[in-house]
């Protein structure tokens, strides 16, 4: 009889550490997963456990091999897929900028603003092992004091070793302010069935100018950014206890399968897996 090829499973375990301000955690192994370009409200801090990941960040493509640390700043556009045959495995956390506030106050050198990580990939074996200890502790220990102490100590070391103050933010130009108004509208009303003409009138520019300038400033054209805003809103609804079908409809997706498809491509797990936290 011919040998049947064994199918490798793609696994993703999602967890939320509520006592740590709701830090999201992901333990995953993928072979065919191809993340679409997306962004998170929080930072991405991931340790590659096996294989290697190729991803886009900061205008270029990067490869993170085994034992390296991936760093993506909050709201930074990125994607990802396997860089080697056989896939990759990693563990990651997604701390929000405000969850770094305690760390920044301890260091006293960032003027309490959110840190900026200039390097997409760093090789720091000691810190990688400390993050592994964090992930194992958050999964296995219920000792709140231990969990909190270890997380903040590790984030402090991460910032001290690999972060810089963010680039100086200059006052917004008139067009930048107009684009921000469009972004703010999409964030506030993700479910709205809005046209490009509507958004161009809001910005006071032509539709062509809006698409080109918005993508240059935020890394997405308006329609793709709207999907990101809808995904963020859907996550909020799911965390609040809404059924998947309701979350899909209320956040502006056509139906549950439409949400499922975009959620999996951006998050690496399905809405059902997200709810199984």
C-alpha atoms as a PDB file:
ATOM      1  CA  UNK A   1       0.000   0.000   0.000  1.00  0.00           C
ATOM      2  CA  UNK A   2       1.282   3.508  -0.723  1.00  0.00           C
ATOM      3  CA  UNK A   3       2.346   5.464   2.305  1.00  0.00           C
ATOM      4  CA  UNK A   4       0.044   8.263   3.291  1.00  0.00           C
ATOM      5  CA  UNK A   5       1.626  11.591   4.062  1.00  0.00           C
ATOM      6  CA  UNK A   6       1.073  12.589   7.665  1.00  0.00           C
ATOM      7  CA  UNK A   7      -0.464  15.989   8.063  1.00  0.00           C
ATOM      8  CA  UNK A   8       1.305  18.299  10.461  1.00  0.00           C
ATOM      9  CA  UNK A   9      -1.097  20.112  12.693  1.00  0.00           C
ATOM     10  CA  UNK A  10      -1.016  23.851  13.086  1.00  0.00           C
ATOM     11  CA  UNK A  11      -1.601  24.679  16.712  1.00  0.00           C
ATOM     12  CA  UNK A  12      -2.328  27.999  18.396  1.00  0.00           C
ATOM     13  CA  UNK A  13      -3.041  28.457  22.096  1.00  0.00           C
ATOM     14  CA  UNK A  14      -4.228  31.887  23.184  1.00  0.00           C
ATOM     15  CA  UNK A  15      -4.306  33.205  26.742  1.00  0.00           C
ATOM     16  CA  UNK A  16      -5.009  36.512  28.481  1.00  0.00           C
ATOM     17  CA  UNK A  17      -3.246  37.430  31.737  1.00  0.00           C
ATOM     18  CA  UNK A  18      -5.959  39.615  33.245  1.00  0.00           C
ATOM     19  CA  UNK A  19      -4.012  40.503  36.394  1.00  0.00           C
ATOM     20  CA  UNK A  20      -1.291  41.969  34.164  1.00  0.00           C
ATOM     21  CA  UNK A  21      -3.595  44.471  32.509  1.00  0.00           C
ATOM     22  CA  UNK A  22      -4.913  41.949  30.004  1.00  0.00           C
ATOM     23  CA  UNK A  23      -1.625  41.096  28.282  1.00  0.00           C
ATOM     24  CA  UNK A  24      -2.349  38.688  25.430  1.00  0.00           C
ATOM     25  CA  UNK A  25      -0.171  35.592  24.978  1.00  0.00           C
ATOM     26  CA  UNK A  26       0.156  33.184  22.054  1.00  0.00           C
ATOM     27  CA  UNK A  27       1.871  29.791  21.878  1.00  0.00           C
ATOM     28  CA  UNK A  28       1.821  28.624  18.262  1.00  0.00           C
ATOM     29  CA  UNK A  29       3.342  26.346  15.675  1.00  0.00           C
ATOM     30  CA  UNK A  30       2.638  26.867  12.002  1.00  0.00           C
ATOM     31  CA  UNK A  31       3.644  25.374   8.691  1.00  0.00           C
ATOM     32  CA  UNK A  32       1.392  26.963   6.074  1.00  0.00           C
ATOM     33  CA  UNK A  33       0.075  29.984   8.005  1.00  0.00           C
ATOM     34  CA  UNK A  34       0.647  33.176   6.028  1.00  0.00           C
ATOM     35  CA  UNK A  35      -0.165  36.254   8.090  1.00  0.00           C
ATOM     36  CA  UNK A  36      -1.647  39.120   6.126  1.00  0.00           C
ATOM     37  CA  UNK A  37      -0.286  42.598   6.728  1.00  0.00           C
ATOM     38  CA  UNK A  38      -1.812  43.732   9.988  1.00  0.00           C
ATOM     39  CA  UNK A  39      -1.065  45.657  13.158  1.00  0.00           C
ATOM     40  CA  UNK A  40      -1.726  45.315  16.871  1.00  0.00           C
ATOM     41  CA  UNK A  41      -2.656  47.901  19.465  1.00  0.00           C
ATOM     42  CA  UNK A  42       0.118  46.406  21.559  1.00  0.00           C
ATOM     43  CA  UNK A  43       3.728  45.478  20.940  1.00  0.00           C
ATOM     44  CA  UNK A  44       4.736  42.039  19.685  1.00  0.00           C
ATOM     45  CA  UNK A  45       7.507  40.316  21.631  1.00  0.00           C
ATOM     46  CA  UNK A  46       8.099  36.774  20.386  1.00  0.00           C
ATOM     47  CA  UNK A  47      10.708  34.049  20.898  1.00  0.00           C
ATOM     48  CA  UNK A  48      11.298  31.648  18.000  1.00  0.00           C
ATOM     49  CA  UNK A  49      11.341  28.121  19.428  1.00  0.00           C
ATOM     50  CA  UNK A  50      11.799  26.151  16.205  1.00  0.00           C
ATOM     51  CA  UNK A  51      12.418  26.864  12.540  1.00  0.00           C
ATOM     52  CA  UNK A  52      12.514  30.465  11.338  1.00  0.00           C
ATOM     53  CA  UNK A  53      10.026  33.191  10.496  1.00  0.00           C
ATOM     54  CA  UNK A  54      10.233  35.648   7.626  1.00  0.00           C
ATOM     55  CA  UNK A  55       8.295  38.855   8.132  1.00  0.00           C
ATOM     56  CA  UNK A  56       7.861  42.429   6.970  1.00  0.00           C
ATOM     57  CA  UNK A  57       8.387  45.346   9.357  1.00  0.00           C
ATOM     58  CA  UNK A  58       9.720  48.897   9.106  1.00  0.00           C
ATOM     59  CA  UNK A  59       9.793  48.953   5.326  1.00  0.00           C
ATOM     60  CA  UNK A  60      11.802  45.766   4.863  1.00  0.00           C
ATOM     61  CA  UNK A  61      11.788  41.991   5.195  1.00  0.00           C
ATOM     62  CA  UNK A  62      13.566  40.170   8.006  1.00  0.00           C
ATOM     63  CA  UNK A  63      14.274  36.592   9.078  1.00  0.00           C
ATOM     64  CA  UNK A  64      14.093  35.516  12.712  1.00  0.00           C
ATOM     65  CA  UNK A  65      15.888  32.186  13.313  1.00  0.00           C
ATOM     66  CA  UNK A  66      15.500  29.832  16.255  1.00  0.00           C
ATOM     67  CA  UNK A  67      16.276  31.411  19.668  1.00  0.00           C
ATOM     68  CA  UNK A  68      15.988  34.977  18.345  1.00  0.00           C
ATOM     69  CA  UNK A  69      13.487  37.551  19.602  1.00  0.00           C
ATOM     70  CA  UNK A  70      11.023  39.309  17.289  1.00  0.00           C
ATOM     71  CA  UNK A  71      10.123  42.893  18.211  1.00  0.00           C
ATOM     72  CA  UNK A  72       7.291  44.834  16.570  1.00  0.00           C
ATOM     73  CA  UNK A  73       6.211  48.212  17.905  1.00  0.00           C
ATOM     74  CA  UNK A  74       2.586  49.002  18.681  1.00  0.00           C
ATOM     75  CA  UNK A  75       0.501  49.871  15.589  1.00  0.00           C
ATOM     76  CA  UNK A  76       3.393  48.873  13.314  1.00  0.00           C
ATOM     77  CA  UNK A  77       2.386  47.093  10.108  1.00  0.00           C
ATOM     78  CA  UNK A  78       3.842  43.594   9.747  1.00  0.00           C
ATOM     79  CA  UNK A  79       3.134  40.138   8.354  1.00  0.00           C
ATOM     80  CA  UNK A  80       4.782  36.727   8.609  1.00  0.00           C
ATOM     81  CA  UNK A  81       5.251  33.227   7.251  1.00  0.00           C
ATOM     82  CA  UNK A  82       7.703  30.369   7.526  1.00  0.00           C
ATOM     83  CA  UNK A  83      11.223  30.987   6.260  1.00  0.00           C
ATOM     84  CA  UNK A  84      12.093  27.285   6.176  1.00  0.00           C
ATOM     85  CA  UNK A  85      10.548  23.998   5.136  1.00  0.00           C
ATOM     86  CA  UNK A  86       8.667  22.463   8.035  1.00  0.00           C
ATOM     87  CA  UNK A  87       7.329  25.700   9.501  1.00  0.00           C
ATOM     88  CA  UNK A  88       8.134  27.480  12.717  1.00  0.00           C
ATOM     89  CA  UNK A  89       7.062  27.636  16.350  1.00  0.00           C
ATOM     90  CA  UNK A  90       7.100  30.610  18.674  1.00  0.00           C
ATOM     91  CA  UNK A  91       5.719  32.079  21.862  1.00  0.00           C
ATOM     92  CA  UNK A  92       4.686  35.720  21.986  1.00  0.00           C
ATOM     93  CA  UNK A  93       3.148  38.378  24.192  1.00  0.00           C
ATOM     94  CA  UNK A  94       1.435  41.614  23.161  1.00  0.00           C
ATOM     95  CA  UNK A  95       1.846  44.240  25.914  1.00  0.00           C
ATOM     96  CA  UNK A  96       0.043  47.537  25.375  1.00  0.00           C
ATOM     97  CA  UNK A  97       1.979  50.827  25.506  1.00  0.00           C
ATOM     98  CA  UNK A  98       0.343  51.710  28.832  1.00  0.00           C
ATOM     99  CA  UNK A  99       1.481  48.382  30.268  1.00  0.00           C
ATOM    100  CA  UNK A 100       5.053  49.591  29.861  1.00  0.00           C
ATOM    101  CA  UNK A 101       4.372  52.590  32.127  1.00  0.00           C
ATOM    102  CA  UNK A 102       5.574  50.843  35.301  1.00  0.00           C
ATOM    103  CA  UNK A 103       8.706  49.710  33.476  1.00  0.00           C
ATOM    104  CA  UNK A 104       9.448  53.200  32.157  1.00  0.00           C
ATOM    105  CA  UNK A 105       8.961  54.771  35.575  1.00  0.00           C
ATOM    106  CA  UNK A 106      11.446  52.277  37.008  1.00  0.00           C
ATOM    107  CA  UNK A 107      14.050  53.081  34.362  1.00  0.00           C
ATOM    108  CA  UNK A 108      13.377  56.810  34.496  1.00  0.00           C
ATOM    109  CA  UNK A 109      14.996  57.490  31.136  1.00  0.00           C
ATOM    110  CA  UNK A 110      12.140  57.509  28.629  1.00  0.00           C
ATOM    111  CA  UNK A 111      10.095  60.411  30.021  1.00  0.00           C
ATOM    112  CA  UNK A 112       7.187  57.970  30.514  1.00  0.00           C
ATOM    113  CA  UNK A 113       6.569  57.770  26.742  1.00  0.00           C
ATOM    114  CA  UNK A 114       6.165  54.436  25.012  1.00  0.00           C
ATOM    115  CA  UNK A 115       9.483  52.741  24.157  1.00  0.00           C
ATOM    116  CA  UNK A 116      10.588  52.200  20.574  1.00  0.00           C
ATOM    117  CA  UNK A 117      12.375  49.054  19.426  1.00  0.00           C
ATOM    118  CA  UNK A 118      14.463  49.908  16.338  1.00  0.00           C
ATOM    119  CA  UNK A 119      15.592  46.341  15.566  1.00  0.00           C
ATOM    120  CA  UNK A 120      12.974  43.861  14.284  1.00  0.00           C
ATOM    121  CA  UNK A 121      15.108  40.866  15.327  1.00  0.00           C
ATOM    122  CA  UNK A 122      17.550  40.657  18.235  1.00  0.00           C
ATOM    123  CA  UNK A 123      19.724  37.757  19.341  1.00  0.00           C
ATOM    124  CA  UNK A 124      19.915  37.811  23.138  1.00  0.00           C
ATOM    125  CA  UNK A 125      20.038  34.218  24.472  1.00  0.00           C
ATOM    126  CA  UNK A 126      19.790  35.212  28.128  1.00  0.00           C
ATOM    127  CA  UNK A 127      16.728  37.384  27.548  1.00  0.00           C
ATOM    128  CA  UNK A 128      15.138  34.777  25.272  1.00  0.00           C
ATOM    129  CA  UNK A 129      15.460  32.197  28.047  1.00  0.00           C
ATOM    130  CA  UNK A 130      13.991  34.650  30.547  1.00  0.00           C
ATOM    131  CA  UNK A 131      10.978  35.154  28.273  1.00  0.00           C
ATOM    132  CA  UNK A 132      10.616  31.373  28.046  1.00  0.00           C
ATOM    133  CA  UNK A 133      10.472  31.317  31.837  1.00  0.00           C
ATOM    134  CA  UNK A 134       7.812  34.043  31.723  1.00  0.00           C
ATOM    135  CA  UNK A 135       5.680  32.086  29.255  1.00  0.00           C
ATOM    136  CA  UNK A 136       6.012  28.861  31.267  1.00  0.00           C
ATOM    137  CA  UNK A 137       5.198  30.635  34.532  1.00  0.00           C
ATOM    138  CA  UNK A 138       2.130  32.374  33.127  1.00  0.00           C
ATOM    139  CA  UNK A 139       0.881  29.037  31.818  1.00  0.00           C
ATOM    140  CA  UNK A 140       1.661  26.878  34.850  1.00  0.00           C
ATOM    141  CA  UNK A 141       1.718  29.026  38.000  1.00  0.00           C
ATOM    142  CA  UNK A 142      -1.240  30.667  39.724  1.00  0.00           C
ATOM    143  CA  UNK A 143       1.012  32.671  42.072  1.00  0.00           C
ATOM    144  CA  UNK A 144       0.064  36.226  41.168  1.00  0.00           C
ATOM    145  CA  UNK A 145       3.064  37.831  42.880  1.00  0.00           C
ATOM    146  CA  UNK A 146       5.466  35.543  41.025  1.00  0.00           C
ATOM    147  CA  UNK A 147       3.746  36.146  37.683  1.00  0.00           C
ATOM    148  CA  UNK A 148       3.716  39.937  38.038  1.00  0.00           C
ATOM    149  CA  UNK A 149       7.281  40.148  39.351  1.00  0.00           C
ATOM    150  CA  UNK A 150       8.707  38.006  36.572  1.00  0.00           C
ATOM    151  CA  UNK A 151       6.845  39.815  33.782  1.00  0.00           C
ATOM    152  CA  UNK A 152       7.848  43.306  34.898  1.00  0.00           C
ATOM    153  CA  UNK A 153      11.456  42.290  35.552  1.00  0.00           C
ATOM    154  CA  UNK A 154      11.701  40.793  32.064  1.00  0.00           C
ATOM    155  CA  UNK A 155      10.055  43.744  30.317  1.00  0.00           C
ATOM    156  CA  UNK A 156      12.388  46.075  32.228  1.00  0.00           C
ATOM    157  CA  UNK A 157      15.399  44.150  30.950  1.00  0.00           C
ATOM    158  CA  UNK A 158      13.979  44.183  27.407  1.00  0.00           C
ATOM    159  CA  UNK A 159      13.531  47.954  27.425  1.00  0.00           C
ATOM    160  CA  UNK A 160      16.907  48.613  29.061  1.00  0.00           C
ATOM    161  CA  UNK A 161      18.764  46.507  26.495  1.00  0.00           C
ATOM    162  CA  UNK A 162      16.921  47.028  23.242  1.00  0.00           C
ATOM    163  CA  UNK A 163      14.628  50.084  23.342  1.00  0.00           C
ATOM    164  CA  UNK A 164      15.165  53.703  22.486  1.00  0.00           C
ATOM    165  CA  UNK A 165      13.030  56.771  22.869  1.00  0.00           C
ATOM    166  CA  UNK A 166      10.596  56.965  19.942  1.00  0.00           C
ATOM    167  CA  UNK A 167      11.466  59.286  17.061  1.00  0.00           C
ATOM    168  CA  UNK A 168      10.546  62.896  17.734  1.00  0.00           C
ATOM    169  CA  UNK A 169       6.989  63.535  16.578  1.00  0.00           C
ATOM    170  CA  UNK A 170       6.743  66.784  14.647  1.00  0.00           C
ATOM    171  CA  UNK A 171       3.509  68.806  14.543  1.00  0.00           C
ATOM    172  CA  UNK A 172       1.086  67.392  11.980  1.00  0.00           C
ATOM    173  CA  UNK A 173       0.855  69.138   8.641  1.00  0.00           C
ATOM    174  CA  UNK A 174      -2.569  70.029   7.268  1.00  0.00           C
ATOM    175  CA  UNK A 175      -2.740  66.881   5.106  1.00  0.00           C
ATOM    176  CA  UNK A 176      -1.496  64.692   7.977  1.00  0.00           C
ATOM    177  CA  UNK A 177      -4.214  66.104  10.205  1.00  0.00           C
ATOM    178  CA  UNK A 178      -6.781  65.370   7.494  1.00  0.00           C
ATOM    179  CA  UNK A 179      -5.538  61.782   7.212  1.00  0.00           C
ATOM    180  CA  UNK A 180      -5.639  61.409  10.986  1.00  0.00           C
ATOM    181  CA  UNK A 181      -9.273  62.547  10.917  1.00  0.00           C
ATOM    182  CA  UNK A 182     -10.052  59.736   8.454  1.00  0.00           C
ATOM    183  CA  UNK A 183      -8.178  57.209  10.604  1.00  0.00           C
ATOM    184  CA  UNK A 184     -10.032  58.406  13.696  1.00  0.00           C
ATOM    185  CA  UNK A 185     -13.367  58.007  11.899  1.00  0.00           C
ATOM    186  CA  UNK A 186     -12.522  54.430  10.858  1.00  0.00           C
ATOM    187  CA  UNK A 187     -11.430  53.638  14.425  1.00  0.00           C
ATOM    188  CA  UNK A 188     -14.570  55.131  15.961  1.00  0.00           C
ATOM    189  CA  UNK A 189     -17.035  53.705  13.419  1.00  0.00           C
ATOM    190  CA  UNK A 190     -15.461  50.477  12.106  1.00  0.00           C
ATOM    191  CA  UNK A 191     -18.842  48.990  11.199  1.00  0.00           C
ATOM    192  CA  UNK A 192     -19.856  51.949   9.006  1.00  0.00           C
ATOM    193  CA  UNK A 193     -20.517  51.218   5.326  1.00  0.00           C
ATOM    194  CA  UNK A 194     -18.559  54.240   4.168  1.00  0.00           C
ATOM    195  CA  UNK A 195     -17.412  54.999   0.622  1.00  0.00           C
ATOM    196  CA  UNK A 196     -14.057  56.290  -0.572  1.00  0.00           C
ATOM    197  CA  UNK A 197     -15.861  59.422  -1.741  1.00  0.00           C
ATOM    198  CA  UNK A 198     -17.216  59.958   1.782  1.00  0.00           C
ATOM    199  CA  UNK A 199     -13.725  59.660   3.267  1.00  0.00           C
ATOM    200  CA  UNK A 200     -12.153  61.915   0.644  1.00  0.00           C
ATOM    201  CA  UNK A 201     -14.727  64.612   1.443  1.00  0.00           C
ATOM    202  CA  UNK A 202     -13.923  64.203   5.134  1.00  0.00           C
ATOM    203  CA  UNK A 203     -10.221  64.663   4.379  1.00  0.00           C
ATOM    204  CA  UNK A 204     -10.752  67.416   1.828  1.00  0.00           C
ATOM    205  CA  UNK A 205      -8.643  65.687  -0.830  1.00  0.00           C
ATOM    206  CA  UNK A 206      -9.302  63.646  -3.966  1.00  0.00           C
ATOM    207  CA  UNK A 207      -9.959  59.892  -3.619  1.00  0.00           C
ATOM    208  CA  UNK A 208      -6.684  59.107  -5.414  1.00  0.00           C
ATOM    209  CA  UNK A 209      -4.709  61.431  -3.142  1.00  0.00           C
ATOM    210  CA  UNK A 210      -6.393  59.941  -0.074  1.00  0.00           C
ATOM    211  CA  UNK A 211      -5.547  56.328  -0.977  1.00  0.00           C
ATOM    212  CA  UNK A 212      -1.932  57.129  -1.822  1.00  0.00           C
ATOM    213  CA  UNK A 213      -1.287  59.407   1.162  1.00  0.00           C
ATOM    214  CA  UNK A 214      -3.151  57.251   3.698  1.00  0.00           C
ATOM    215  CA  UNK A 215      -1.150  54.168   2.752  1.00  0.00           C
ATOM    216  CA  UNK A 216       2.108  56.101   2.937  1.00  0.00           C
ATOM    217  CA  UNK A 217       1.274  57.397   6.418  1.00  0.00           C
ATOM    218  CA  UNK A 218      -0.359  54.323   7.994  1.00  0.00           C
ATOM    219  CA  UNK A 219       0.876  51.380   5.945  1.00  0.00           C
ATOM    220  CA  UNK A 220      -2.601  50.417   4.704  1.00  0.00           C
ATOM    221  CA  UNK A 221      -5.005  51.822   2.128  1.00  0.00           C
ATOM    222  CA  UNK A 222      -8.262  52.967   3.779  1.00  0.00           C
ATOM    223  CA  UNK A 223     -10.223  49.772   3.040  1.00  0.00           C
ATOM    224  CA  UNK A 224      -7.487  47.563   4.549  1.00  0.00           C
ATOM    225  CA  UNK A 225      -7.234  49.817   7.592  1.00  0.00           C
ATOM    226  CA  UNK A 226     -11.005  49.516   8.021  1.00  0.00           C
ATOM    227  CA  UNK A 227     -10.594  45.730   8.257  1.00  0.00           C
ATOM    228  CA  UNK A 228      -7.990  46.203  11.003  1.00  0.00           C
ATOM    229  CA  UNK A 229     -10.372  48.488  12.890  1.00  0.00           C
ATOM    230  CA  UNK A 230     -13.177  45.942  12.492  1.00  0.00           C
ATOM    231  CA  UNK A 231     -10.943  43.160  13.801  1.00  0.00           C
ATOM    232  CA  UNK A 232     -10.029  45.217  16.871  1.00  0.00           C
ATOM    233  CA  UNK A 233     -13.710  45.919  17.531  1.00  0.00           C
ATOM    234  CA  UNK A 234     -14.628  42.260  17.005  1.00  0.00           C
ATOM    235  CA  UNK A 235     -11.970  41.247  19.552  1.00  0.00           C
ATOM    236  CA  UNK A 236     -13.431  43.710  22.043  1.00  0.00           C
ATOM    237  CA  UNK A 237     -16.912  42.283  21.511  1.00  0.00           C
ATOM    238  CA  UNK A 238     -15.689  38.695  21.845  1.00  0.00           C
ATOM    239  CA  UNK A 239     -13.857  39.507  25.063  1.00  0.00           C
ATOM    240  CA  UNK A 240     -17.072  41.079  26.359  1.00  0.00           C
ATOM    241  CA  UNK A 241     -18.949  37.815  25.856  1.00  0.00           C
ATOM    242  CA  UNK A 242     -20.677  38.396  22.511  1.00  0.00           C
ATOM    243  CA  UNK A 243     -21.285  35.297  20.347  1.00  0.00           C
ATOM    244  CA  UNK A 244     -19.100  35.078  17.247  1.00  0.00           C
ATOM    245  CA  UNK A 245     -22.030  35.661  14.885  1.00  0.00           C
ATOM    246  CA  UNK A 246     -23.066  38.819  16.745  1.00  0.00           C
ATOM    247  CA  UNK A 247     -19.486  40.100  16.900  1.00  0.00           C
ATOM    248  CA  UNK A 248     -19.156  39.594  13.140  1.00  0.00           C
ATOM    249  CA  UNK A 249     -22.339  41.495  12.349  1.00  0.00           C
ATOM    250  CA  UNK A 250     -21.790  44.332  14.824  1.00  0.00           C
ATOM    251  CA  UNK A 251     -18.204  44.948  13.737  1.00  0.00           C
ATOM    252  CA  UNK A 252     -19.140  45.252  10.060  1.00  0.00           C
ATOM    253  CA  UNK A 253     -18.213  41.864   8.576  1.00  0.00           C
ATOM    254  CA  UNK A 254     -20.619  40.270   6.093  1.00  0.00           C
ATOM    255  CA  UNK A 255     -21.048  37.153   8.198  1.00  0.00           C
ATOM    256  CA  UNK A 256     -19.269  34.806  10.581  1.00  0.00           C
ATOM    257  CA  UNK A 257     -17.160  33.174   7.859  1.00  0.00           C
ATOM    258  CA  UNK A 258     -15.979  36.601   6.674  1.00  0.00           C
ATOM    259  CA  UNK A 259     -14.795  37.415  10.206  1.00  0.00           C
ATOM    260  CA  UNK A 260     -13.250  33.947  10.553  1.00  0.00           C
ATOM    261  CA  UNK A 261     -11.178  34.383   7.380  1.00  0.00           C
ATOM    262  CA  UNK A 262      -9.743  37.794   8.270  1.00  0.00           C
ATOM    263  CA  UNK A 263      -9.277  36.904  11.949  1.00  0.00           C
ATOM    264  CA  UNK A 264      -7.244  33.794  11.082  1.00  0.00           C
ATOM    265  CA  UNK A 265      -5.088  35.623   8.545  1.00  0.00           C
ATOM    266  CA  UNK A 266      -4.253  38.451  10.947  1.00  0.00           C
ATOM    267  CA  UNK A 267      -4.242  36.715  14.335  1.00  0.00           C
ATOM    268  CA  UNK A 268      -3.089  33.218  13.472  1.00  0.00           C
ATOM    269  CA  UNK A 269      -6.066  31.695  15.266  1.00  0.00           C
ATOM    270  CA  UNK A 270      -9.814  31.540  14.750  1.00  0.00           C
ATOM    271  CA  UNK A 271     -12.433  33.478  16.739  1.00  0.00           C
ATOM    272  CA  UNK A 272     -13.390  30.171  18.379  1.00  0.00           C
ATOM    273  CA  UNK A 273      -9.786  29.599  19.490  1.00  0.00           C
ATOM    274  CA  UNK A 274      -9.677  33.183  20.744  1.00  0.00           C
ATOM    275  CA  UNK A 275     -12.766  32.517  22.868  1.00  0.00           C
ATOM    276  CA  UNK A 276     -11.232  29.312  24.238  1.00  0.00           C
ATOM    277  CA  UNK A 277      -8.708  31.381  26.197  1.00  0.00           C
END
